[in-house]
PDB file of N, CA and C in Angstrom:
ATOM      1  N   MET A   1     -33.969 -22.638  -3.081  1.00  0.00           N
ATOM      2  CA  MET A   1     -33.544 -21.476  -2.345  1.00  0.00           C
ATOM      3  C   MET A   1     -32.230 -20.963  -2.940  1.00  0.00           C
ATOM      4  N   ALA A   2     -32.105 -19.668  -3.001  1.00  0.00           N
ATOM      5  CA  ALA A   2     -30.903 -19.040  -3.569  1.00  0.00           C
ATOM      6  C   ALA A   2     -29.710 -19.210  -2.633  1.00  0.00           C
ATOM      7  N   GLU A   3     -28.531 -19.273  -3.228  1.00  0.00           N
ATOM      8  CA  GLU A   3     -27.298 -19.380  -2.448  1.00  0.00           C
ATOM      9  C   GLU A   3     -27.057 -18.065  -1.706  1.00  0.00           C
ATOM     10  N   PRO A   4     -26.503 -18.129  -0.508  1.00  0.00           N
ATOM     11  CA  PRO A   4     -26.199 -16.878   0.198  1.00  0.00           C
ATOM     12  C   PRO A   4     -25.125 -16.092  -0.557  1.00  0.00           C
ATOM     13  N   ILE A   5     -25.240 -14.786  -0.530  1.00  0.00           N
ATOM     14  CA  ILE A   5     -24.234 -13.959  -1.198  1.00  0.00           C
ATOM     15  C   ILE A   5     -23.038 -13.686  -0.288  1.00  0.00           C
ATOM     16  N   LEU A   6     -23.213 -13.977   1.005  1.00  0.00           N
ATOM     17  CA  LEU A   6     -22.130 -13.735   1.958  1.00  0.00           C
ATOM     18  C   LEU A   6     -22.258 -14.715   3.109  1.00  0.00           C
ATOM     19  N   THR A   7     -21.165 -15.311   3.493  1.00  0.00           N
ATOM     20  CA  THR A   7     -21.142 -16.201   4.643  1.00  0.00           C
ATOM     21  C   THR A   7     -20.193 -15.611   5.675  1.00  0.00           C
ATOM     22  N   LEU A   8     -20.689 -15.399   6.873  1.00  0.00           N
ATOM     23  CA  LEU A   8     -19.876 -14.807   7.943  1.00  0.00           C
ATOM     24  C   LEU A   8     -19.630 -15.837   9.029  1.00  0.00           C
ATOM     25  N   ASP A   9     -18.386 -15.944   9.441  1.00  0.00           N
ATOM     26  CA  ASP A   9     -18.031 -16.828  10.548  1.00  0.00           C
ATOM     27  C   ASP A   9     -18.025 -16.028  11.837  1.00  0.00           C
ATOM     28  N   LEU A  10     -18.565 -16.619  12.882  1.00  0.00           N
ATOM     29  CA  LEU A  10     -18.563 -15.956  14.178  1.00  0.00           C
ATOM     30  C   LEU A  10     -17.331 -16.322  14.999  1.00  0.00           C
ATOM     31  N   LEU A  11     -16.747 -17.455  14.680  1.00  0.00           N
ATOM     32  CA  LEU A  11     -15.530 -17.870  15.374  1.00  0.00           C
ATOM     33  C   LEU A  11     -14.324 -17.537  14.515  1.00  0.00           C
ATOM     34  N   VAL A  12     -13.294 -17.035  15.155  1.00  0.00           N
ATOM     35  CA  VAL A  12     -12.071 -16.688  14.442  1.00  0.00           C
ATOM     36  C   VAL A  12     -11.055 -17.799  14.648  1.00  0.00           C
ATOM     37  N   GLU A  13     -10.542 -18.291  13.542  1.00  0.00           N
ATOM     38  CA  GLU A  13      -9.511 -19.317  13.604  1.00  0.00           C
ATOM     39  C   GLU A  13      -8.172 -18.665  13.270  1.00  0.00           C
ATOM     40  N   ARG A  14      -7.251 -18.755  14.202  1.00  0.00           N
ATOM     41  CA  ARG A  14      -5.922 -18.189  13.972  1.00  0.00           C
ATOM     42  C   ARG A  14      -4.993 -19.248  13.402  1.00  0.00           C
ATOM     43  N   ARG A  15      -4.257 -18.876  12.377  1.00  0.00           N
ATOM     44  CA  ARG A  15      -3.222 -19.735  11.817  1.00  0.00           C
ATOM     45  C   ARG A  15      -1.976 -19.568  12.679  1.00  0.00           C
ATOM     46  N   THR A  16      -1.023 -20.453  12.502  1.00  0.00           N
ATOM     47  CA  THR A  16       0.182 -20.394  13.331  1.00  0.00           C
ATOM     48  C   THR A  16       1.432 -20.285  12.471  1.00  0.00           C
ATOM     49  N   ILE A  17       2.466 -19.800  13.121  1.00  0.00           N
ATOM     50  CA  ILE A  17       3.800 -19.723  12.533  1.00  0.00           C
ATOM     51  C   ILE A  17       4.719 -20.482  13.467  1.00  0.00           C
ATOM     52  N   LYS A  18       5.501 -21.380  12.901  1.00  0.00           N
ATOM     53  CA  LYS A  18       6.423 -22.170  13.707  1.00  0.00           C
ATOM     54  C   LYS A  18       7.775 -21.461  13.761  1.00  0.00           C
ATOM     55  N   ILE A  19       8.222 -21.205  14.968  1.00  0.00           N
ATOM     56  CA  ILE A  19       9.520 -20.587  15.198  1.00  0.00           C
ATOM     57  C   ILE A  19      10.293 -21.539  16.090  1.00  0.00           C
ATOM     58  N   GLY A  20      11.381 -22.071  15.551  1.00  0.00           N
ATOM     59  CA  GLY A  20      12.091 -23.116  16.277  1.00  0.00           C
ATOM     60  C   GLY A  20      11.190 -24.336  16.338  1.00  0.00           C
ATOM     61  N   ASP A  21      10.945 -24.818  17.542  1.00  0.00           N
ATOM     62  CA  ASP A  21      10.085 -26.001  17.686  1.00  0.00           C
ATOM     63  C   ASP A  21       8.724 -25.662  18.288  1.00  0.00           C
ATOM     64  N   LYS A  22       8.381 -24.376  18.319  1.00  0.00           N
ATOM     65  CA  LYS A  22       7.118 -23.956  18.924  1.00  0.00           C
ATOM     66  C   LYS A  22       6.282 -23.158  17.918  1.00  0.00           C
ATOM     67  N   GLU A  23       4.971 -23.331  18.011  1.00  0.00           N
ATOM     68  CA  GLU A  23       4.058 -22.591  17.141  1.00  0.00           C
ATOM     69  C   GLU A  23       3.455 -21.414  17.888  1.00  0.00           C
ATOM     70  N   TYR A  24       3.335 -20.298  17.164  1.00  0.00           N
ATOM     71  CA  TYR A  24       2.751 -19.078  17.710  1.00  0.00           C
ATOM     72  C   TYR A  24       1.622 -18.636  16.788  1.00  0.00           C
ATOM     73  N   GLU A  25       0.557 -18.121  17.387  1.00  0.00           N
ATOM     74  CA  GLU A  25      -0.598 -17.705  16.602  1.00  0.00           C
ATOM     75  C   GLU A  25      -0.332 -16.393  15.884  1.00  0.00           C
ATOM     76  N   LEU A  26      -0.902 -16.302  14.687  1.00  0.00           N
ATOM     77  CA  LEU A  26      -0.864 -15.088  13.885  1.00  0.00           C
ATOM     78  C   LEU A  26      -2.252 -14.463  13.944  1.00  0.00           C
ATOM     79  N   LEU A  27      -2.294 -13.181  14.126  1.00  0.00           N
ATOM     80  CA  LEU A  27      -3.565 -12.471  14.159  1.00  0.00           C
ATOM     81  C   LEU A  27      -4.365 -12.776  12.903  1.00  0.00           C
ATOM     82  N   SER A  28      -5.629 -12.995  13.055  1.00  0.00           N
ATOM     83  CA  SER A  28      -6.502 -13.214  11.905  1.00  0.00           C
ATOM     84  C   SER A  28      -6.978 -11.863  11.378  1.00  0.00           C
ATOM     85  N   PRO A  29      -6.999 -11.688  10.065  1.00  0.00           N
ATOM     86  CA  PRO A  29      -7.532 -10.430   9.518  1.00  0.00           C
ATOM     87  C   PRO A  29      -8.961 -10.149   9.987  1.00  0.00           C
ATOM     88  N   ALA A  30      -9.711 -11.189  10.315  1.00  0.00           N
ATOM     89  CA  ALA A  30     -11.092 -11.009  10.774  1.00  0.00           C
ATOM     90  C   ALA A  30     -11.172 -10.320  12.134  1.00  0.00           C
ATOM     91  N   GLU A  31     -10.066 -10.285  12.862  1.00  0.00           N
ATOM     92  CA  GLU A  31     -10.056  -9.672  14.189  1.00  0.00           C
ATOM     93  C   GLU A  31      -9.831  -8.167  14.158  1.00  0.00           C
ATOM     94  N   LEU A  32      -9.476  -7.638  13.010  1.00  0.00           N
ATOM     95  CA  LEU A  32      -9.118  -6.224  12.916  1.00  0.00           C
ATOM     96  C   LEU A  32     -10.332  -5.329  12.705  1.00  0.00           C
ATOM     97  N   SER A  33     -10.280  -4.172  13.327  1.00  0.00           N
ATOM     98  CA  SER A  33     -11.254  -3.141  12.990  1.00  0.00           C
ATOM     99  C   SER A  33     -10.845  -2.566  11.638  1.00  0.00           C
ATOM    100  N   ILE A  34     -11.727  -1.841  11.023  1.00  0.00           N
ATOM    101  CA  ILE A  34     -11.406  -1.218   9.731  1.00  0.00           C
ATOM    102  C   ILE A  34     -10.226  -0.279   9.884  1.00  0.00           C
ATOM    103  N   LEU A  35     -10.191   0.474  10.970  1.00  0.00           N
ATOM    104  CA  LEU A  35      -9.095   1.414  11.205  1.00  0.00           C
ATOM    105  C   LEU A  35      -7.764   0.680  11.393  1.00  0.00           C
ATOM    106  N   ASP A  36      -7.764  -0.398  12.187  1.00  0.00           N
ATOM    107  CA  ASP A  36      -6.534  -1.176  12.377  1.00  0.00           C
ATOM    108  C   ASP A  36      -6.069  -1.802  11.072  1.00  0.00           C
ATOM    109  N   TYR A  37      -7.000  -2.332  10.300  1.00  0.00           N
ATOM    110  CA  TYR A  37      -6.640  -2.926   9.016  1.00  0.00           C
ATOM    111  C   TYR A  37      -5.985  -1.875   8.127  1.00  0.00           C
ATOM    112  N   ARG A  38      -6.556  -0.694   8.099  1.00  0.00           N
ATOM    113  CA  ARG A  38      -6.013   0.399   7.267  1.00  0.00           C
ATOM    114  C   ARG A  38      -4.605   0.769   7.718  1.00  0.00           C
ATOM    115  N   ARG A  39      -4.396   0.850   9.027  1.00  0.00           N
ATOM    116  CA  ARG A  39      -3.058   1.186   9.545  1.00  0.00           C
ATOM    117  C   ARG A  39      -2.037   0.137   9.136  1.00  0.00           C
ATOM    118  N   ILE A  40      -2.389  -1.127   9.289  1.00  0.00           N
ATOM    119  CA  ILE A  40      -1.473  -2.207   8.928  1.00  0.00           C
ATOM    120  C   ILE A  40      -1.200  -2.182   7.426  1.00  0.00           C
ATOM    121  N   ALA A  41      -2.219  -1.945   6.629  1.00  0.00           N
ATOM    122  CA  ALA A  41      -2.042  -1.889   5.174  1.00  0.00           C
ATOM    123  C   ALA A  41      -1.092  -0.752   4.789  1.00  0.00           C
ATOM    124  N   LYS A  42      -1.220   0.389   5.441  1.00  0.00           N
ATOM    125  CA  LYS A  42      -0.330   1.515   5.148  1.00  0.00           C
ATOM    126  C   LYS A  42       1.108   1.197   5.554  1.00  0.00           C
ATOM    127  N   GLN A  43       1.278   0.551   6.712  1.00  0.00           N
ATOM    128  CA  GLN A  43       2.623   0.175   7.140  1.00  0.00           C
ATOM    129  C   GLN A  43       3.227  -0.851   6.177  1.00  0.00           C
ATOM    130  N   ALA A  44       2.442  -1.816   5.756  1.00  0.00           N
ATOM    131  CA  ALA A  44       2.933  -2.837   4.828  1.00  0.00           C
ATOM    132  C   ALA A  44       3.322  -2.201   3.496  1.00  0.00           C
ATOM    133  N   ALA A  45       2.546  -1.250   3.020  1.00  0.00           N
ATOM    134  CA  ALA A  45       2.870  -0.560   1.769  1.00  0.00           C
ATOM    135  C   ALA A  45       4.177   0.213   1.909  1.00  0.00           C
ATOM    136  N   ARG A  46       4.369   0.814   3.064  1.00  0.00           N
ATOM    137  CA  ARG A  46       5.612   1.562   3.319  1.00  0.00           C
ATOM    138  C   ARG A  46       6.811   0.602   3.308  1.00  0.00           C
ATOM    139  N   VAL A  47       6.662  -0.549   3.932  1.00  0.00           N
ATOM    140  CA  VAL A  47       7.725  -1.558   3.943  1.00  0.00           C
ATOM    141  C   VAL A  47       8.076  -1.954   2.517  1.00  0.00           C
ATOM    142  N   MET A  48       7.068  -2.212   1.706  1.00  0.00           N
ATOM    143  CA  MET A  48       7.321  -2.645   0.336  1.00  0.00           C
ATOM    144  C   MET A  48       7.990  -1.538  -0.486  1.00  0.00           C
ATOM    145  N   THR A  49       7.665  -0.297  -0.212  1.00  0.00           N
ATOM    146  CA  THR A  49       8.314   0.829  -0.894  1.00  0.00           C
ATOM    147  C   THR A  49       9.805   0.848  -0.580  1.00  0.00           C
ATOM    148  N   PHE A  50      10.131   0.715   0.700  1.00  0.00           N
ATOM    149  CA  PHE A  50      11.544   0.702   1.092  1.00  0.00           C
ATOM    150  C   PHE A  50      12.256  -0.528   0.542  1.00  0.00           C
ATOM    151  N   ALA A  51      11.604  -1.667   0.592  1.00  0.00           N
ATOM    152  CA  ALA A  51      12.224  -2.912   0.145  1.00  0.00           C
ATOM    153  C   ALA A  51      12.535  -2.878  -1.351  1.00  0.00           C
ATOM    154  N   ALA A  52      11.793  -2.105  -2.103  1.00  0.00           N
ATOM    155  CA  ALA A  52      11.991  -2.031  -3.546  1.00  0.00           C
ATOM    156  C   ALA A  52      13.127  -1.084  -3.944  1.00  0.00           C
ATOM    157  N   GLN A  53      13.611  -0.292  -3.008  1.00  0.00           N
ATOM    158  CA  GLN A  53      14.664   0.668  -3.331  1.00  0.00           C
ATOM    159  C   GLN A  53      16.025  -0.009  -3.400  1.00  0.00           C
ATOM    160  N   ASP A  54      16.810   0.413  -4.387  1.00  0.00           N
ATOM    161  CA  ASP A  54      18.148  -0.151  -4.539  1.00  0.00           C
ATOM    162  C   ASP A  54      19.089   0.288  -3.421  1.00  0.00           C
ATOM    163  N   GLU A  55      19.015   1.549  -3.057  1.00  0.00           N
ATOM    164  CA  GLU A  55      19.910   2.075  -2.025  1.00  0.00           C
ATOM    165  C   GLU A  55      19.141   2.981  -1.064  1.00  0.00           C
ATOM    166  N   PRO A  56      18.430   2.391  -0.112  1.00  0.00           N
ATOM    167  CA  PRO A  56      17.704   3.231   0.851  1.00  0.00           C
ATOM    168  C   PRO A  56      18.693   3.970   1.753  1.00  0.00           C
ATOM    169  N   THR A  57      18.259   5.118   2.227  1.00  0.00           N
ATOM    170  CA  THR A  57      19.081   5.901   3.150  1.00  0.00           C
ATOM    171  C   THR A  57      19.089   5.229   4.522  1.00  0.00           C
ATOM    172  N   ASP A  58      20.006   5.655   5.379  1.00  0.00           N
ATOM    173  CA  ASP A  58      20.057   5.114   6.740  1.00  0.00           C
ATOM    174  C   ASP A  58      18.748   5.385   7.479  1.00  0.00           C
ATOM    175  N   ASP A  59      18.167   6.556   7.257  1.00  0.00           N
ATOM    176  CA  ASP A  59      16.894   6.885   7.906  1.00  0.00           C
ATOM    177  C   ASP A  59      15.775   5.967   7.415  1.00  0.00           C
ATOM    178  N   GLN A  60      15.774   5.646   6.132  1.00  0.00           N
ATOM    179  CA  GLN A  60      14.763   4.758   5.585  1.00  0.00           C
ATOM    180  C   GLN A  60      14.919   3.342   6.122  1.00  0.00           C
ATOM    181  N   VAL A  61      16.163   2.889   6.248  1.00  0.00           N
ATOM    182  CA  VAL A  61      16.408   1.555   6.816  1.00  0.00           C
ATOM    183  C   VAL A  61      15.936   1.512   8.265  1.00  0.00           C
ATOM    184  N   ALA A  62      16.228   2.572   9.016  1.00  0.00           N
ATOM    185  CA  ALA A  62      15.789   2.634  10.419  1.00  0.00           C
ATOM    186  C   ALA A  62      14.264   2.611  10.507  1.00  0.00           C
ATOM    187  N   GLU A  63      13.602   3.361   9.622  1.00  0.00           N
ATOM    188  CA  GLU A  63      12.134   3.366   9.618  1.00  0.00           C
ATOM    189  C   GLU A  63      11.584   2.001   9.227  1.00  0.00           C
ATOM    190  N   LEU A  64      12.197   1.364   8.229  1.00  0.00           N
ATOM    191  CA  LEU A  64      11.790   0.028   7.802  1.00  0.00           C
ATOM    192  C   LEU A  64      11.864  -0.960   8.962  1.00  0.00           C
ATOM    193  N   LEU A  65      12.974  -0.948   9.681  1.00  0.00           N
ATOM    194  CA  LEU A  65      13.140  -1.858  10.818  1.00  0.00           C
ATOM    195  C   LEU A  65      12.134  -1.566  11.924  1.00  0.00           C
ATOM    196  N   MET A  66      11.855  -0.289  12.159  1.00  0.00           N
ATOM    197  CA  MET A  66      10.875   0.095  13.178  1.00  0.00           C
ATOM    198  C   MET A  66       9.474  -0.411  12.793  1.00  0.00           C
ATOM    199  N   ILE A  67       9.108  -0.235  11.524  1.00  0.00           N
ATOM    200  CA  ILE A  67       7.792  -0.687  11.068  1.00  0.00           C
ATOM    201  C   ILE A  67       7.683  -2.209  11.160  1.00  0.00           C
ATOM    202  N   LEU A  68       8.734  -2.921  10.756  1.00  0.00           N
ATOM    203  CA  LEU A  68       8.708  -4.385  10.860  1.00  0.00           C
ATOM    204  C   LEU A  68       8.554  -4.827  12.306  1.00  0.00           C
ATOM    205  N   ASP A  69       9.222  -4.138  13.233  1.00  0.00           N
ATOM    206  CA  ASP A  69       9.060  -4.447  14.659  1.00  0.00           C
ATOM    207  C   ASP A  69       7.615  -4.223  15.105  1.00  0.00           C
ATOM    208  N   GLN A  70       7.029  -3.091  14.693  1.00  0.00           N
ATOM    209  CA  GLN A  70       5.651  -2.778  15.075  1.00  0.00           C
ATOM    210  C   GLN A  70       4.674  -3.796  14.500  1.00  0.00           C
ATOM    211  N   LEU A  71       4.860  -4.148  13.236  1.00  0.00           N
ATOM    212  CA  LEU A  71       3.962  -5.121  12.607  1.00  0.00           C
ATOM    213  C   LEU A  71       4.077  -6.491  13.266  1.00  0.00           C
ATOM    214  N   THR A  72       5.303  -6.914  13.532  1.00  0.00           N
ATOM    215  CA  THR A  72       5.492  -8.222  14.164  1.00  0.00           C
ATOM    216  C   THR A  72       4.854  -8.245  15.550  1.00  0.00           C
ATOM    217  N   GLU A  73       4.998  -7.157  16.283  1.00  0.00           N
ATOM    218  CA  GLU A  73       4.384  -7.086  17.617  1.00  0.00           C
ATOM    219  C   GLU A  73       2.864  -7.164  17.520  1.00  0.00           C
ATOM    220  N   ARG A  74       2.297  -6.521  16.514  1.00  0.00           N
ATOM    221  CA  ARG A  74       0.844  -6.489  16.354  1.00  0.00           C
ATOM    222  C   ARG A  74       0.290  -7.805  15.802  1.00  0.00           C
ATOM    223  N   LEU A  75       1.038  -8.446  14.908  1.00  0.00           N
ATOM    224  CA  LEU A  75       0.501  -9.597  14.180  1.00  0.00           C
ATOM    225  C   LEU A  75       0.804 -10.937  14.817  1.00  0.00           C
ATOM    226  N   LEU A  76       1.901 -11.048  15.550  1.00  0.00           N
ATOM    227  CA  LEU A  76       2.358 -12.340  16.052  1.00  0.00           C
ATOM    228  C   LEU A  76       2.202 -12.419  17.561  1.00  0.00           C
ATOM    229  N   PHE A  77       1.487 -13.424  18.028  1.00  0.00           N
ATOM    230  CA  PHE A  77       1.300 -13.639  19.461  1.00  0.00           C
ATOM    231  C   PHE A  77       2.450 -14.504  19.974  1.00  0.00           C
ATOM    232  N   ALA A  78       3.576 -13.841  20.199  1.00  0.00           N
ATOM    233  CA  ALA A  78       4.771 -14.510  20.704  1.00  0.00           C
ATOM    234  C   ALA A  78       5.416 -13.599  21.747  1.00  0.00           C
ATOM    235  N   PRO A  79       6.121 -14.184  22.703  1.00  0.00           N
ATOM    236  CA  PRO A  79       6.794 -13.359  23.711  1.00  0.00           C
ATOM    237  C   PRO A  79       7.816 -12.419  23.068  1.00  0.00           C
ATOM    238  N   GLN A  80       8.049 -11.314  23.729  1.00  0.00           N
ATOM    239  CA  GLN A  80       8.991 -10.311  23.232  1.00  0.00           C
ATOM    240  C   GLN A  80      10.361 -10.922  22.965  1.00  0.00           C
ATOM    241  N   GLU A  81      10.819 -11.818  23.845  1.00  0.00           N
ATOM    242  CA  GLU A  81      12.162 -12.388  23.651  1.00  0.00           C
ATOM    243  C   GLU A  81      12.238 -13.221  22.371  1.00  0.00           C
ATOM    244  N   ILE A  82      11.139 -13.807  21.943  1.00  0.00           N
ATOM    245  CA  ILE A  82      11.107 -14.547  20.679  1.00  0.00           C
ATOM    246  C   ILE A  82      11.116 -13.555  19.519  1.00  0.00           C
ATOM    247  N   ARG A  83      10.269 -12.526  19.596  1.00  0.00           N
ATOM    248  CA  ARG A  83      10.218 -11.526  18.515  1.00  0.00           C
ATOM    249  C   ARG A  83      11.560 -10.819  18.356  1.00  0.00           C
ATOM    250  N   ASP A  84      12.266 -10.604  19.470  1.00  0.00           N
ATOM    251  CA  ASP A  84      13.570  -9.931  19.400  1.00  0.00           C
ATOM    252  C   ASP A  84      14.613 -10.754  18.652  1.00  0.00           C
ATOM    253  N   LYS A  85      14.451 -12.064  18.620  1.00  0.00           N
ATOM    254  CA  LYS A  85      15.411 -12.942  17.953  1.00  0.00           C
ATOM    255  C   LYS A  85      15.181 -13.027  16.443  1.00  0.00           C
ATOM    256  N   LEU A  86      14.049 -12.546  15.976  1.00  0.00           N
ATOM    257  CA  LEU A  86      13.728 -12.635  14.552  1.00  0.00           C
ATOM    258  C   LEU A  86      14.528 -11.614  13.751  1.00  0.00           C
ATOM    259  N   SER A  87      14.997 -12.034  12.597  1.00  0.00           N
ATOM    260  CA  SER A  87      15.711 -11.117  11.700  1.00  0.00           C
ATOM    261  C   SER A  87      14.682 -10.287  10.919  1.00  0.00           C
ATOM    262  N   ALA A  88      15.160  -9.232  10.277  1.00  0.00           N
ATOM    263  CA  ALA A  88      14.274  -8.405   9.452  1.00  0.00           C
ATOM    264  C   ALA A  88      13.616  -9.227   8.337  1.00  0.00           C
ATOM    265  N   PRO A  89      14.361 -10.097   7.627  1.00  0.00           N
ATOM    266  CA  PRO A  89      13.686 -10.913   6.605  1.00  0.00           C
ATOM    267  C   PRO A  89      12.613 -11.846   7.191  1.00  0.00           C
ATOM    268  N   GLN A  90      12.835 -12.359   8.382  1.00  0.00           N
ATOM    269  CA  GLN A  90      11.824 -13.216   9.018  1.00  0.00           C
ATOM    270  C   GLN A  90      10.583 -12.396   9.383  1.00  0.00           C
ATOM    271  N   LYS A  91      10.795 -11.179   9.863  1.00  0.00           N
ATOM    272  CA  LYS A  91       9.655 -10.302  10.178  1.00  0.00           C
ATOM    273  C   LYS A  91       8.891  -9.953   8.907  1.00  0.00           C
ATOM    274  N   LEU A  92       9.615  -9.780   7.819  1.00  0.00           N
ATOM    275  CA  LEU A  92       8.968  -9.522   6.536  1.00  0.00           C
ATOM    276  C   LEU A  92       8.125 -10.728   6.113  1.00  0.00           C
ATOM    277  N   GLN A  93       8.619 -11.941   6.353  1.00  0.00           N
ATOM    278  CA  GLN A  93       7.841 -13.146   6.036  1.00  0.00           C
ATOM    279  C   GLN A  93       6.556 -13.201   6.860  1.00  0.00           C
ATOM    280  N   ILE A  94       6.619 -12.764   8.097  1.00  0.00           N
ATOM    281  CA  ILE A  94       5.415 -12.741   8.941  1.00  0.00           C
ATOM    282  C   ILE A  94       4.398 -11.770   8.363  1.00  0.00           C
ATOM    283  N   MET A  95       4.863 -10.595   7.939  1.00  0.00           N
ATOM    284  CA  MET A  95       3.974  -9.618   7.318  1.00  0.00           C
ATOM    285  C   MET A  95       3.359 -10.209   6.048  1.00  0.00           C
ATOM    286  N   GLU A  96       4.170 -10.890   5.244  1.00  0.00           N
ATOM    287  CA  GLU A  96       3.671 -11.497   4.009  1.00  0.00           C
ATOM    288  C   GLU A  96       2.667 -12.615   4.295  1.00  0.00           C
ATOM    289  N   ALA A  97       2.889 -13.374   5.352  1.00  0.00           N
ATOM    290  CA  ALA A  97       1.939 -14.431   5.724  1.00  0.00           C
ATOM    291  C   ALA A  97       0.587 -13.823   6.092  1.00  0.00           C
ATOM    292  N   PHE A  98       0.604 -12.739   6.837  1.00  0.00           N
ATOM    293  CA  PHE A  98      -0.634 -12.057   7.195  1.00  0.00           C
ATOM    294  C   PHE A  98      -1.326 -11.521   5.941  1.00  0.00           C
ATOM    295  N   THR A  99      -0.551 -10.954   5.036  1.00  0.00           N
ATOM    296  CA  THR A  99      -1.110 -10.435   3.785  1.00  0.00           C
ATOM    297  C   THR A  99      -1.765 -11.554   2.987  1.00  0.00           C
ATOM    298  N   GLN A 100      -1.133 -12.728   2.968  1.00  0.00           N
ATOM    299  CA  GLN A 100      -1.698 -13.888   2.276  1.00  0.00           C
ATOM    300  C   GLN A 100      -3.037 -14.298   2.915  1.00  0.00           C
ATOM    301  N   LEU A 101      -3.100 -14.270   4.236  1.00  0.00           N
ATOM    302  CA  LEU A 101      -4.362 -14.585   4.918  1.00  0.00           C
ATOM    303  C   LEU A 101      -5.461 -13.611   4.512  1.00  0.00           C
ATOM    304  N   GLN A 102      -5.111 -12.342   4.391  1.00  0.00           N
ATOM    305  CA  GLN A 102      -6.100 -11.340   3.995  1.00  0.00           C
ATOM    306  C   GLN A 102      -6.576 -11.592   2.570  1.00  0.00           C
ATOM    307  N   ARG A 103      -5.654 -11.963   1.674  1.00  0.00           N
ATOM    308  CA  ARG A 103      -6.049 -12.270   0.292  1.00  0.00           C
ATOM    309  C   ARG A 103      -7.004 -13.460   0.255  1.00  0.00           C
ATOM    310  N   GLU A 104      -6.685 -14.505   1.042  1.00  0.00           N
ATOM    311  CA  GLU A 104      -7.554 -15.681   1.104  1.00  0.00           C
ATOM    312  C   GLU A 104      -8.930 -15.298   1.625  1.00  0.00           C
ATOM    313  N   ARG A 105      -8.963 -14.476   2.652  1.00  0.00           N
ATOM    314  CA  ARG A 105     -10.237 -14.044   3.242  1.00  0.00           C
ATOM    315  C   ARG A 105     -11.055 -13.255   2.221  1.00  0.00           C
ATOM    316  N   ASN A 106     -10.403 -12.348   1.496  1.00  0.00           N
ATOM    317  CA  ASN A 106     -11.107 -11.559   0.485  1.00  0.00           C
ATOM    318  C   ASN A 106     -11.646 -12.445  -0.628  1.00  0.00           C
ATOM    319  N   ALA A 107     -10.857 -13.439  -1.044  1.00  0.00           N
ATOM    320  CA  ALA A 107     -11.301 -14.339  -2.108  1.00  0.00           C
ATOM    321  C   ALA A 107     -12.503 -15.162  -1.651  1.00  0.00           C
ATOM    322  N   ARG A 108     -12.460 -15.645  -0.402  1.00  0.00           N
ATOM    323  CA  ARG A 108     -13.606 -16.412   0.123  1.00  0.00           C
ATOM    324  C   ARG A 108     -14.850 -15.534   0.200  1.00  0.00           C
ATOM    325  N   SER A 109     -14.673 -14.276   0.592  1.00  0.00           N
ATOM    326  CA  SER A 109     -15.813 -13.358   0.669  1.00  0.00           C
ATOM    327  C   SER A 109     -16.438 -13.146  -0.697  1.00  0.00           C
ATOM    328  N   ALA A 110     -15.601 -13.245  -1.720  1.00  0.00           N
ATOM    329  CA  ALA A 110     -16.096 -13.071  -3.085  1.00  0.00           C
ATOM    330  C   ALA A 110     -16.667 -14.370  -3.651  1.00  0.00           C
ATOM    331  N   GLY A 111     -16.618 -15.458  -2.856  1.00  0.00           N
ATOM    332  CA  GLY A 111     -17.218 -16.710  -3.275  1.00  0.00           C
ATOM    333  C   GLY A 111     -16.262 -17.708  -3.893  1.00  0.00           C
ATOM    334  N   ALA A 112     -14.979 -17.400  -3.905  1.00  0.00           N
ATOM    335  CA  ALA A 112     -14.005 -18.321  -4.501  1.00  0.00           C
ATOM    336  C   ALA A 112     -13.643 -19.420  -3.506  1.00  0.00           C
ATOM    337  N   GLU A 113     -13.339 -20.593  -4.033  1.00  0.00           N
ATOM    338  CA  GLU A 113     -12.833 -21.681  -3.211  1.00  0.00           C
ATOM    339  C   GLU A 113     -11.330 -21.469  -3.087  1.00  0.00           C
ATOM    340  N   VAL A 114     -10.852 -21.308  -1.857  1.00  0.00           N
ATOM    341  CA  VAL A 114      -9.442 -21.007  -1.659  1.00  0.00           C
ATOM    342  C   VAL A 114      -8.856 -22.011  -0.681  1.00  0.00           C
ATOM    343  N   ALA A 115      -7.782 -22.655  -1.102  1.00  0.00           N
ATOM    344  CA  ALA A 115      -7.052 -23.552  -0.209  1.00  0.00           C
ATOM    345  C   ALA A 115      -5.974 -22.735   0.493  1.00  0.00           C
ATOM    346  N   PRO A 116      -5.811 -22.893   1.805  1.00  0.00           N
ATOM    347  CA  PRO A 116      -4.750 -22.159   2.491  1.00  0.00           C
ATOM    348  C   PRO A 116      -3.397 -22.480   1.877  1.00  0.00           C
ATOM    349  N   GLN A 117      -2.582 -21.452   1.722  1.00  0.00           N
ATOM    350  CA  GLN A 117      -1.276 -21.613   1.117  1.00  0.00           C
ATOM    351  C   GLN A 117      -0.191 -21.475   2.171  1.00  0.00           C
ATOM    352  N   PRO A 118       0.795 -22.376   2.162  1.00  0.00           N
ATOM    353  CA  PRO A 118       1.933 -22.178   3.051  1.00  0.00           C
ATOM    354  C   PRO A 118       2.722 -20.978   2.548  1.00  0.00           C
ATOM    355  N   THR A 119       3.265 -20.199   3.469  1.00  0.00           N
ATOM    356  CA  THR A 119       4.021 -19.027   3.067  1.00  0.00           C
ATOM    357  C   THR A 119       5.413 -19.092   3.635  1.00  0.00           C
ATOM    358  N   GLY A 120       6.332 -18.451   2.947  1.00  0.00           N
ATOM    359  CA  GLY A 120       7.692 -18.334   3.432  1.00  0.00           C
ATOM    360  C   GLY A 120       8.512 -19.581   3.248  1.00  0.00           C
ATOM    361  N   ALA A 121       9.780 -19.383   3.320  1.00  0.00           N
ATOM    362  CA  ALA A 121      10.723 -20.500   3.235  1.00  0.00           C
ATOM    363  C   ALA A 121      11.290 -20.758   4.610  1.00  0.00           C
ATOM    364  N   ARG A 122      11.779 -21.950   4.795  1.00  0.00           N
ATOM    365  CA  ARG A 122      12.383 -22.288   6.074  1.00  0.00           C
ATOM    366  C   ARG A 122      13.740 -21.600   6.176  1.00  0.00           C
ATOM    367  N   THR A 123      13.932 -20.868   7.275  1.00  0.00           N
ATOM    368  CA  THR A 123      15.196 -20.168   7.461  1.00  0.00           C
ATOM    369  C   THR A 123      15.858 -20.584   8.723  1.00  0.00           C
TER     370      THR A 123
END
């Protein structure tokens, strides 16, 4: 019998992010609608554009911080008081962790064997 060209999981497994001594779930890319995925991808691209600039304007910094807040709220299942304590670089790490999950998911869909990778440094 031929190997399946696609394997779909019906159960979604959420990875976690440890903040302090507690773990919080990160949204799985498999949970997103196509429209939500597209919105998050556009926001992440905007963040990376601002992050690459040597001297962003005050308006760009404000927009960057707003987008990081929105992404963290959407991606991380943690109480507001926990999310409020996160710095901008920590929120960026959360966005990068989600992006890594999406890359792993895409690679698995293409048939590659992918080991989950730890992301971010301890801060």
